[in-house]
Amino acid sequence: MFVVTGAARGIGREVTHRLRGEGHRVAGLLRAGGSPMPADALDARVEVELSRPDELAAALADFAADLGPVEGLVHSAGVVRGGDLQHTTAADYTLQFAVNVTAVAEITRVLLPNLRQAAGTVVLVNSGSGLTARSPLAGYAASKFALRAYADSLRQEEPGIRVSSVYPGRVATDMQVEVRALEGAEYRPQEYLEVGTVAEAVLTVLRLPPDGTITELTLRPWNGRGRG
């Protein structure tokens, strides 16, 4: 069994589609009231509110008990709130850290027994902002830097599971539309990574034979497409 957060949109949706296309069973963690997903698109699902991570353990208890071994846990859900530092509020920081860091840590904690059973892999879809902070995404970058630190610590504490951080550059998703609006710039999807490309990078991590691990994978748009 594989578990994907943010399975109803963007990268998470494409990862789910490709895993099931390869014959794997996939359970999705979906945001309550979020984007709809066909009933047959997942083998199991549960609605959760990632902005309230203190409620996740109770919400996922029965779900985790029924899952059995988890071969892979892909954290794709995320949220961004922009603004320069003088206009980034406590609520902006709280929301981004809750969804992008604390919920990730809590979901992983709840599913650790399942991951240990399968010697599974945890993939954290981070961001270029997790490597280089820039305005007007300082609060978002802070949460993604924290996610990187969490991945490093999880890797040290859980040698029986593999932990990988994937750092995509700009991706043609709904979130990128939000980011470009925050930056006051035009959204140009032809210049960004395609969702399927990032999903394939995630699956590359998950498919890796058990004698190796990809701890960090950085992915950037390539402007050489179509040359030669």
C-alpha atoms as a PDB file:
ATOM      1  CA  MET A   1       0.000   0.000   0.000  1.00  0.00           C
ATOM      2  CA  PHE A   2       1.089   3.557  -0.794  1.00  0.00           C
ATOM      3  CA  VAL A   3      -0.265   6.659   0.937  1.00  0.00           C
ATOM      4  CA  VAL A   4      -0.364  10.068  -0.761  1.00  0.00           C
ATOM      5  CA  THR A   5      -1.310  13.374   0.828  1.00  0.00           C
ATOM      6  CA  GLY A   6      -2.790  16.017  -1.433  1.00  0.00           C
ATOM      7  CA  ALA A   7      -3.951  13.192  -3.693  1.00  0.00           C
ATOM      8  CA  ALA A   8      -6.755  15.218  -5.263  1.00  0.00           C
ATOM      9  CA  ARG A   9      -4.626  17.891  -6.930  1.00  0.00           C
ATOM     10  CA  GLY A  10      -1.458  18.560  -8.850  1.00  0.00           C
ATOM     11  CA  ILE A  11       1.581  16.433  -8.130  1.00  0.00           C
ATOM     12  CA  GLY A  12      -0.219  14.234  -5.591  1.00  0.00           C
ATOM     13  CA  ARG A  13      -2.988  13.409  -8.039  1.00  0.00           C
ATOM     14  CA  GLU A  14      -0.499  12.484 -10.765  1.00  0.00           C
ATOM     15  CA  VAL A  15       1.589  10.350  -8.392  1.00  0.00           C
ATOM     16  CA  THR A  16      -1.579   8.525  -7.365  1.00  0.00           C
ATOM     17  CA  HIS A  17      -2.621   7.968 -10.985  1.00  0.00           C
ATOM     18  CA  ARG A  18       0.780   6.578 -11.972  1.00  0.00           C
ATOM     19  CA  LEU A  19       1.094   4.301  -8.953  1.00  0.00           C
ATOM     20  CA  ARG A  20      -2.305   2.787  -9.606  1.00  0.00           C
ATOM     21  CA  GLY A  21      -1.440   2.469 -13.278  1.00  0.00           C
ATOM     22  CA  GLU A  22       1.466   0.260 -12.205  1.00  0.00           C
ATOM     23  CA  GLY A  23      -0.905  -1.930 -10.218  1.00  0.00           C
ATOM     24  CA  HIS A  24      -0.237  -0.577  -6.738  1.00  0.00           C
ATOM     25  CA  ARG A  25      -2.886   0.041  -4.110  1.00  0.00           C
ATOM     26  CA  VAL A  26      -3.053   3.693  -3.071  1.00  0.00           C
ATOM     27  CA  ALA A  27      -4.737   5.403  -0.138  1.00  0.00           C
ATOM     28  CA  GLY A  28      -5.267   9.159  -0.311  1.00  0.00           C
ATOM     29  CA  LEU A  29      -5.424  11.760   2.419  1.00  0.00           C
ATOM     30  CA  LEU A  30      -7.808  14.418   1.119  1.00  0.00           C
ATOM     31  CA  ARG A  31      -8.637  17.836   2.472  1.00  0.00           C
ATOM     32  CA  ALA A  32     -12.165  18.024   3.823  1.00  0.00           C
ATOM     33  CA  GLY A  33     -14.270  19.971   1.356  1.00  0.00           C
ATOM     34  CA  GLY A  34     -11.398  20.138  -1.129  1.00  0.00           C
ATOM     35  CA  SER A  35     -11.174  19.130  -4.783  1.00  0.00           C
ATOM     36  CA  PRO A  36     -13.411  16.144  -5.642  1.00  0.00           C
ATOM     37  CA  MET A  37     -11.884  12.855  -6.715  1.00  0.00           C
ATOM     38  CA  PRO A  38     -13.666   9.964  -8.476  1.00  0.00           C
ATOM     39  CA  ALA A  39     -14.665   7.133  -6.179  1.00  0.00           C
ATOM     40  CA  ASP A  40     -12.585   4.621  -8.138  1.00  0.00           C
ATOM     41  CA  ALA A  41      -9.427   6.777  -8.193  1.00  0.00           C
ATOM     42  CA  LEU A  42      -8.237   5.458  -4.821  1.00  0.00           C
ATOM     43  CA  ASP A  43      -8.321   2.155  -2.976  1.00  0.00           C
ATOM     44  CA  ALA A  44      -8.910   3.943   0.331  1.00  0.00           C
ATOM     45  CA  ARG A  45      -9.367   7.536   1.395  1.00  0.00           C
ATOM     46  CA  VAL A  46      -9.802   9.670   4.452  1.00  0.00           C
ATOM     47  CA  GLU A  47     -10.630  13.355   4.754  1.00  0.00           C
ATOM     48  CA  VAL A  48      -8.437  15.348   7.122  1.00  0.00           C
ATOM     49  CA  GLU A  49      -7.813  18.978   7.971  1.00  0.00           C
ATOM     50  CA  LEU A  50      -4.066  19.525   7.739  1.00  0.00           C
ATOM     51  CA  SER A  51      -4.279  22.987   9.254  1.00  0.00           C
ATOM     52  CA  ARG A  52      -5.309  21.324  12.543  1.00  0.00           C
ATOM     53  CA  PRO A  53      -2.526  18.774  13.001  1.00  0.00           C
ATOM     54  CA  ASP A  54      -3.402  18.179  16.654  1.00  0.00           C
ATOM     55  CA  GLU A  55      -6.549  16.377  15.401  1.00  0.00           C
ATOM     56  CA  LEU A  56      -4.750  14.079  12.958  1.00  0.00           C
ATOM     57  CA  ALA A  57      -3.813  11.244  15.318  1.00  0.00           C
ATOM     58  CA  ALA A  58      -7.445  10.650  16.258  1.00  0.00           C
ATOM     59  CA  ALA A  59      -8.641  11.105  12.664  1.00  0.00           C
ATOM     60  CA  LEU A  60      -6.123   8.579  11.319  1.00  0.00           C
ATOM     61  CA  ALA A  61      -6.168   5.934  14.070  1.00  0.00           C
ATOM     62  CA  ASP A  62      -8.626   3.535  12.402  1.00  0.00           C
ATOM     63  CA  PHE A  63      -7.214   4.292   8.959  1.00  0.00           C
ATOM     64  CA  ALA A  64      -3.680   3.375  10.060  1.00  0.00           C
ATOM     65  CA  ALA A  65      -4.870   0.230  11.836  1.00  0.00           C
ATOM     66  CA  ASP A  66      -6.499  -1.046   8.629  1.00  0.00           C
ATOM     67  CA  LEU A  67      -3.672  -0.175   6.228  1.00  0.00           C
ATOM     68  CA  GLY A  68      -1.118  -2.860   6.943  1.00  0.00           C
ATOM     69  CA  PRO A  69       2.448  -2.376   5.670  1.00  0.00           C
ATOM     70  CA  VAL A  70       3.023   0.930   3.863  1.00  0.00           C
ATOM     71  CA  GLU A  71       5.625   0.743   1.109  1.00  0.00           C
ATOM     72  CA  GLY A  72       5.627   4.460   0.459  1.00  0.00           C
ATOM     73  CA  LEU A  73       4.293   7.661   2.002  1.00  0.00           C
ATOM     74  CA  VAL A  74       4.324  10.672  -0.315  1.00  0.00           C
ATOM     75  CA  HIS A  75       3.771  14.088   1.248  1.00  0.00           C
ATOM     76  CA  SER A  76       2.530  16.280  -1.585  1.00  0.00           C
ATOM     77  CA  ALA A  77       0.026  18.549   0.175  1.00  0.00           C
ATOM     78  CA  GLY A  78       1.123  22.100   0.893  1.00  0.00           C
ATOM     79  CA  VAL A  79       0.012  25.683   1.234  1.00  0.00           C
ATOM     80  CA  VAL A  80       1.614  29.026   0.436  1.00  0.00           C
ATOM     81  CA  ARG A  81       0.972  32.494   1.840  1.00  0.00           C
ATOM     82  CA  GLY A  82       3.041  35.329   0.423  1.00  0.00           C
ATOM     83  CA  GLY A  83       4.094  38.790   1.433  1.00  0.00           C
ATOM     84  CA  ASP A  84       7.206  40.621   2.483  1.00  0.00           C
ATOM     85  CA  LEU A  85       8.255  40.179   6.090  1.00  0.00           C
ATOM     86  CA  GLN A  86       6.560  43.310   7.394  1.00  0.00           C
ATOM     87  CA  HIS A  87       3.237  42.091   6.003  1.00  0.00           C
ATOM     88  CA  THR A  88       3.552  38.383   6.830  1.00  0.00           C
ATOM     89  CA  THR A  89       1.342  37.839   9.869  1.00  0.00           C
ATOM     90  CA  ALA A  90       1.483  35.333  12.688  1.00  0.00           C
ATOM     91  CA  ALA A  91      -1.539  33.622  11.135  1.00  0.00           C
ATOM     92  CA  ASP A  92       0.350  33.255   7.828  1.00  0.00           C
ATOM     93  CA  TYR A  93       3.275  31.569   9.587  1.00  0.00           C
ATOM     94  CA  THR A  94       0.982  29.393  11.697  1.00  0.00           C
ATOM     95  CA  LEU A  95      -0.950  28.086   8.696  1.00  0.00           C
ATOM     96  CA  GLN A  96       2.119  27.342   6.592  1.00  0.00           C
ATOM     97  CA  PHE A  97       3.994  25.595   9.378  1.00  0.00           C
ATOM     98  CA  ALA A  98       0.875  23.627  10.373  1.00  0.00           C
ATOM     99  CA  VAL A  99       0.261  22.269   6.860  1.00  0.00           C
ATOM    100  CA  ASN A 100       3.799  22.127   5.469  1.00  0.00           C
ATOM    101  CA  VAL A 101       5.632  20.832   8.543  1.00  0.00           C
ATOM    102  CA  THR A 102       3.592  19.827  11.589  1.00  0.00           C
ATOM    103  CA  ALA A 103       0.958  17.854   9.671  1.00  0.00           C
ATOM    104  CA  VAL A 104       3.715  16.056   7.756  1.00  0.00           C
ATOM    105  CA  ALA A 105       5.433  15.114  10.995  1.00  0.00           C
ATOM    106  CA  GLU A 106       2.209  13.972  12.643  1.00  0.00           C
ATOM    107  CA  ILE A 107       0.990  11.878   9.705  1.00  0.00           C
ATOM    108  CA  THR A 108       4.398  10.241   9.472  1.00  0.00           C
ATOM    109  CA  ARG A 109       4.455   9.587  13.217  1.00  0.00           C
ATOM    110  CA  VAL A 110       1.062   7.880  13.073  1.00  0.00           C
ATOM    111  CA  LEU A 111       2.126   5.734  10.104  1.00  0.00           C
ATOM    112  CA  LEU A 112       5.616   4.828  11.373  1.00  0.00           C
ATOM    113  CA  PRO A 113       4.549   1.309  12.472  1.00  0.00           C
ATOM    114  CA  ASN A 114       3.150   0.678   8.975  1.00  0.00           C
ATOM    115  CA  LEU A 115       6.284   2.041   7.308  1.00  0.00           C
ATOM    116  CA  ARG A 116       8.556  -0.034   9.539  1.00  0.00           C
ATOM    117  CA  GLN A 117       6.660  -3.196   8.603  1.00  0.00           C
ATOM    118  CA  ALA A 118       7.447  -2.645   4.929  1.00  0.00           C
ATOM    119  CA  ALA A 119      10.867  -0.961   5.279  1.00  0.00           C
ATOM    120  CA  GLY A 120       9.034   1.758   3.391  1.00  0.00           C
ATOM    121  CA  THR A 121      10.022   5.049   1.814  1.00  0.00           C
ATOM    122  CA  VAL A 122       8.913   8.533   2.851  1.00  0.00           C
ATOM    123  CA  VAL A 123       9.033  11.130   0.079  1.00  0.00           C
ATOM    124  CA  LEU A 124       8.665  14.764   1.060  1.00  0.00           C
ATOM    125  CA  VAL A 125       7.831  17.014  -1.882  1.00  0.00           C
ATOM    126  CA  ASN A 126       9.677  20.125  -0.785  1.00  0.00           C
ATOM    127  CA  SER A 127      10.395  23.127  -3.029  1.00  0.00           C
ATOM    128  CA  GLY A 128      13.167  25.230  -4.438  1.00  0.00           C
ATOM    129  CA  SER A 129      12.153  27.561  -1.613  1.00  0.00           C
ATOM    130  CA  GLY A 130      13.421  24.883   0.773  1.00  0.00           C
ATOM    131  CA  LEU A 131      16.921  25.511  -0.556  1.00  0.00           C
ATOM    132  CA  THR A 132      16.894  29.242  -1.320  1.00  0.00           C
ATOM    133  CA  ALA A 133      14.683  31.746   0.476  1.00  0.00           C
ATOM    134  CA  ARG A 134      13.394  34.744  -1.428  1.00  0.00           C
ATOM    135  CA  SER A 135      10.824  37.488  -1.020  1.00  0.00           C
ATOM    136  CA  PRO A 136       7.822  37.566  -1.148  1.00  0.00           C
ATOM    137  CA  LEU A 137       7.776  33.917  -0.030  1.00  0.00           C
ATOM    138  CA  ALA A 138       9.809  34.219   3.165  1.00  0.00           C
ATOM    139  CA  GLY A 139       7.259  32.540   5.410  1.00  0.00           C
ATOM    140  CA  TYR A 140       6.761  29.713   2.922  1.00  0.00           C
ATOM    141  CA  ALA A 141      10.516  29.253   2.597  1.00  0.00           C
ATOM    142  CA  ALA A 142      10.882  29.123   6.378  1.00  0.00           C
ATOM    143  CA  SER A 143       8.380  26.261   6.514  1.00  0.00           C
ATOM    144  CA  LYS A 144      10.165  24.404   3.706  1.00  0.00           C
ATOM    145  CA  PHE A 145      13.564  24.838   5.371  1.00  0.00           C
ATOM    146  CA  ALA A 146      11.972  23.349   8.490  1.00  0.00           C
ATOM    147  CA  LEU A 147      10.647  20.452   6.405  1.00  0.00           C
ATOM    148  CA  ARG A 148      14.186  19.779   5.221  1.00  0.00           C
ATOM    149  CA  ALA A 149      15.391  19.667   8.826  1.00  0.00           C
ATOM    150  CA  TYR A 150      12.576  17.278   9.697  1.00  0.00           C
ATOM    151  CA  ALA A 151      13.586  14.955   6.842  1.00  0.00           C
ATOM    152  CA  ASP A 152      17.201  14.924   8.026  1.00  0.00           C
ATOM    153  CA  SER A 153      16.148  14.058  11.573  1.00  0.00           C
ATOM    154  CA  LEU A 154      13.689  11.366  10.469  1.00  0.00           C
ATOM    155  CA  ARG A 155      16.428   9.765   8.382  1.00  0.00           C
ATOM    156  CA  GLN A 156      18.742   9.632  11.400  1.00  0.00           C
ATOM    157  CA  GLU A 157      16.139   8.285  13.816  1.00  0.00           C
ATOM    158  CA  GLU A 158      14.541   5.701  11.499  1.00  0.00           C
ATOM    159  CA  PRO A 159      17.341   3.808   9.727  1.00  0.00           C
ATOM    160  CA  GLY A 160      14.858   1.086   8.763  1.00  0.00           C
ATOM    161  CA  ILE A 161      12.964   3.369   6.369  1.00  0.00           C
ATOM    162  CA  ARG A 162      14.197   5.484   3.485  1.00  0.00           C
ATOM    163  CA  VAL A 163      13.594   9.244   3.574  1.00  0.00           C
ATOM    164  CA  SER A 164      13.879  11.434   0.486  1.00  0.00           C
ATOM    165  CA  SER A 165      13.328  15.151  -0.086  1.00  0.00           C
ATOM    166  CA  VAL A 166      12.430  16.213  -3.624  1.00  0.00           C
ATOM    167  CA  TYR A 167      13.025  19.882  -4.478  1.00  0.00           C
ATOM    168  CA  PRO A 168      11.179  20.862  -7.661  1.00  0.00           C
ATOM    169  CA  GLY A 169      11.609  24.258  -9.236  1.00  0.00           C
ATOM    170  CA  ARG A 170       8.571  26.029 -10.621  1.00  0.00           C
ATOM    171  CA  VAL A 171       5.830  23.559 -11.559  1.00  0.00           C
ATOM    172  CA  ALA A 172       2.753  24.247 -13.688  1.00  0.00           C
ATOM    173  CA  THR A 173       0.160  23.849 -10.910  1.00  0.00           C
ATOM    174  CA  ASP A 174      -2.607  25.887  -9.313  1.00  0.00           C
ATOM    175  CA  MET A 175      -0.184  26.792  -6.520  1.00  0.00           C
ATOM    176  CA  GLN A 176       2.209  28.299  -9.076  1.00  0.00           C
ATOM    177  CA  VAL A 177      -0.612  30.504 -10.320  1.00  0.00           C
ATOM    178  CA  GLU A 178      -0.922  31.807  -6.747  1.00  0.00           C
ATOM    179  CA  VAL A 179       2.835  32.280  -6.418  1.00  0.00           C
ATOM    180  CA  ARG A 180       3.160  34.249  -9.651  1.00  0.00           C
ATOM    181  CA  ALA A 181       0.270  36.476  -8.600  1.00  0.00           C
ATOM    182  CA  LEU A 182       2.021  37.126  -5.289  1.00  0.00           C
ATOM    183  CA  GLU A 183       5.183  38.014  -7.186  1.00  0.00           C
ATOM    184  CA  GLY A 184       3.240  40.303  -9.522  1.00  0.00           C
ATOM    185  CA  ALA A 185       4.480  38.304 -12.510  1.00  0.00           C
ATOM    186  CA  GLU A 186       2.922  36.475 -15.442  1.00  0.00           C
ATOM    187  CA  TYR A 187       2.129  32.778 -15.151  1.00  0.00           C
ATOM    188  CA  ARG A 188       3.968  31.017 -18.008  1.00  0.00           C
ATOM    189  CA  PRO A 189       3.345  27.266 -17.726  1.00  0.00           C
ATOM    190  CA  GLN A 190       5.431  26.509 -20.817  1.00  0.00           C
ATOM    191  CA  GLU A 191       8.505  27.631 -18.854  1.00  0.00           C
ATOM    192  CA  TYR A 192       7.829  25.418 -15.839  1.00  0.00           C
ATOM    193  CA  LEU A 193       8.134  21.758 -14.986  1.00  0.00           C
ATOM    194  CA  GLU A 194       5.151  19.645 -15.925  1.00  0.00           C
ATOM    195  CA  VAL A 195       3.305  17.873 -13.133  1.00  0.00           C
ATOM    196  CA  GLY A 196       4.037  14.520 -14.739  1.00  0.00           C
ATOM    197  CA  THR A 197       7.777  15.196 -14.702  1.00  0.00           C
ATOM    198  CA  VAL A 198       7.771  15.792 -10.958  1.00  0.00           C
ATOM    199  CA  ALA A 199       5.541  12.771 -10.389  1.00  0.00           C
ATOM    200  CA  GLU A 200       7.982  10.632 -12.361  1.00  0.00           C
ATOM    201  CA  ALA A 201      10.845  11.887 -10.169  1.00  0.00           C
ATOM    202  CA  VAL A 202       8.868  10.850  -7.093  1.00  0.00           C
ATOM    203  CA  LEU A 203       8.235   7.409  -8.577  1.00  0.00           C
ATOM    204  CA  THR A 204      11.927   7.083  -9.393  1.00  0.00           C
ATOM    205  CA  VAL A 205      12.643   7.483  -5.687  1.00  0.00           C
ATOM    206  CA  LEU A 206       9.971   4.942  -4.780  1.00  0.00           C
ATOM    207  CA  ARG A 207      11.132   2.406  -7.381  1.00  0.00           C
ATOM    208  CA  LEU A 208      14.773   2.430  -6.327  1.00  0.00           C
ATOM    209  CA  PRO A 209      16.085  -1.060  -5.419  1.00  0.00           C
ATOM    210  CA  PRO A 210      16.482  -1.640  -1.672  1.00  0.00           C
ATOM    211  CA  ASP A 211      20.290  -1.445  -1.661  1.00  0.00           C
ATOM    212  CA  GLY A 212      20.259   2.325  -2.254  1.00  0.00           C
ATOM    213  CA  THR A 213      18.478   5.502  -1.273  1.00  0.00           C
ATOM    214  CA  ILE A 214      18.086   8.951  -2.810  1.00  0.00           C
ATOM    215  CA  THR A 215      18.243  11.337   0.123  1.00  0.00           C
ATOM    216  CA  GLU A 216      17.774  14.545  -1.876  1.00  0.00           C
ATOM    217  CA  LEU A 217      16.692  15.161  -5.458  1.00  0.00           C
ATOM    218  CA  THR A 218      16.679  18.623  -7.032  1.00  0.00           C
ATOM    219  CA  LEU A 219      14.623  19.134 -10.171  1.00  0.00           C
ATOM    220  CA  ARG A 220      14.644  22.264 -12.331  1.00  0.00           C
ATOM    221  CA  PRO A 221      12.940  23.326 -15.560  1.00  0.00           C
ATOM    222  CA  TRP A 222      15.163  22.850 -18.586  1.00  0.00           C
ATOM    223  CA  ASN A 223      15.008  25.410 -21.374  1.00  0.00           C
ATOM    224  CA  GLY A 224      16.761  23.149 -23.867  1.00  0.00           C
ATOM    225  CA  ARG A 225      13.606  21.206 -24.749  1.00  0.00           C
ATOM    226  CA  GLY A 226      13.178  20.847 -28.466  1.00  0.00           C
ATOM    227  CA  ARG A 227      16.758  21.780 -29.366  1.00  0.00           C
ATOM    228  CA  GLY A 228      18.821  19.671 -31.693  1.00  0.00           C
END
